[in-house]
Protein backbone atom coordinates (compact mmCIF):
# COMPACT_ATOMS: atom_id res chain seq x y z
CA UNK A 1 182.03 114.81 67.97
CA UNK A 2 182.54 114.13 64.27
CA UNK A 3 185.22 116.32 62.66
CA UNK A 4 184.32 118.25 59.54
CA UNK A 5 185.78 116.91 56.29
CA UNK A 6 188.71 118.77 54.78
CA UNK A 7 187.92 120.73 51.61
CA UNK A 8 189.65 119.65 48.43
CA UNK A 9 189.02 122.87 46.49
CA UNK A 10 189.19 126.61 47.09
CA UNK A 11 186.00 128.45 48.04
CA UNK A 12 184.73 130.71 45.28
CA UNK A 13 183.10 134.11 45.51
CA UNK A 14 179.89 132.57 44.14
CA UNK A 15 179.87 129.92 46.89
CA UNK A 16 180.54 132.52 49.59
CA UNK A 17 177.82 134.75 48.15
CA UNK A 18 175.31 131.89 48.22
CA UNK A 19 176.14 131.07 51.84
CA UNK A 20 176.03 134.74 52.85
CA UNK A 21 172.59 135.03 51.25
CA UNK A 22 171.31 131.98 53.14
CA UNK A 23 172.71 133.22 56.47
CA UNK A 24 171.06 136.62 56.05
CA UNK A 25 167.72 135.20 54.83
CA UNK A 26 167.64 132.77 57.79
CA UNK A 27 168.49 135.71 60.09
CA UNK A 28 171.67 134.07 61.32
CA UNK A 29 173.52 137.22 60.19
CA UNK A 30 172.17 140.75 59.98
CA UNK A 31 174.29 141.61 56.93
CA UNK A 32 177.00 140.18 54.70
CA UNK A 33 178.44 142.32 51.90
CA UNK A 34 181.27 141.69 49.45
CA UNK A 35 183.58 144.72 49.37
CA UNK A 36 185.37 145.78 46.17
CA UNK A 37 188.63 144.58 47.74
CA UNK A 38 187.35 140.98 47.89
CA UNK A 39 186.88 141.18 51.64
CA UNK A 40 183.51 140.42 53.22
CA UNK A 41 181.84 142.71 55.74
CA UNK A 42 179.59 140.80 58.12
CA UNK A 43 177.44 141.90 61.01
CA UNK A 44 175.68 139.48 63.36
CA UNK A 45 173.24 141.96 64.91
CA UNK A 46 172.34 145.56 64.09
CA UNK A 47 173.94 146.85 67.29
CA UNK A 48 177.21 144.91 66.89
CA UNK A 49 180.35 146.06 65.09
CA UNK A 50 181.03 144.99 61.53
CA UNK A 51 183.61 142.22 61.15
CA UNK A 52 185.92 142.02 58.15
CA UNK A 53 186.56 138.58 56.68
CA UNK A 54 189.54 138.38 54.31
CA UNK A 55 187.97 136.25 51.58
CA UNK A 56 185.38 133.74 50.41
CA UNK A 57 186.93 130.84 52.33
CA UNK A 58 186.31 132.74 55.56
CA UNK A 59 182.62 133.21 54.73
CA UNK A 60 182.25 129.50 53.97
CA UNK A 61 184.07 128.68 57.22
CA UNK A 62 181.75 131.02 59.12
CA UNK A 63 178.72 129.28 57.57
CA UNK A 64 180.13 125.88 58.57
CA UNK A 65 180.76 127.09 62.13
CA UNK A 66 177.22 128.47 62.45
CA UNK A 67 175.75 125.28 60.99
CA UNK A 68 177.84 123.14 63.35
CA UNK A 69 176.76 125.23 66.36
CA UNK A 70 173.08 124.92 65.39
CA UNK A 71 173.33 121.17 64.93
CA UNK A 72 175.28 120.57 68.12
CA UNK A 73 172.82 122.51 70.28
CA UNK A 74 169.70 120.96 68.74
CA UNK A 75 168.04 118.32 70.94
CA UNK A 76 168.44 114.77 69.69
CA UNK A 77 165.21 113.62 68.00
CA UNK A 78 166.27 110.07 67.22
């Protein structure tokens, strides 16, 4: 397995917001909302509890984890 590259900059709210939007539109998350405190509230399915992510870096990390899981379970087409 190829390790993910290490980030050289901090994740921004705009980056986290863009990833949250993609995850919700692709139905990989049910909801992702930025709270006034800077925390993110995410819910995978409508019947699951809401998770609190401390900041934008956590949303970007969640997106990377979901993307990695999708790619690692996809059948090889090459």
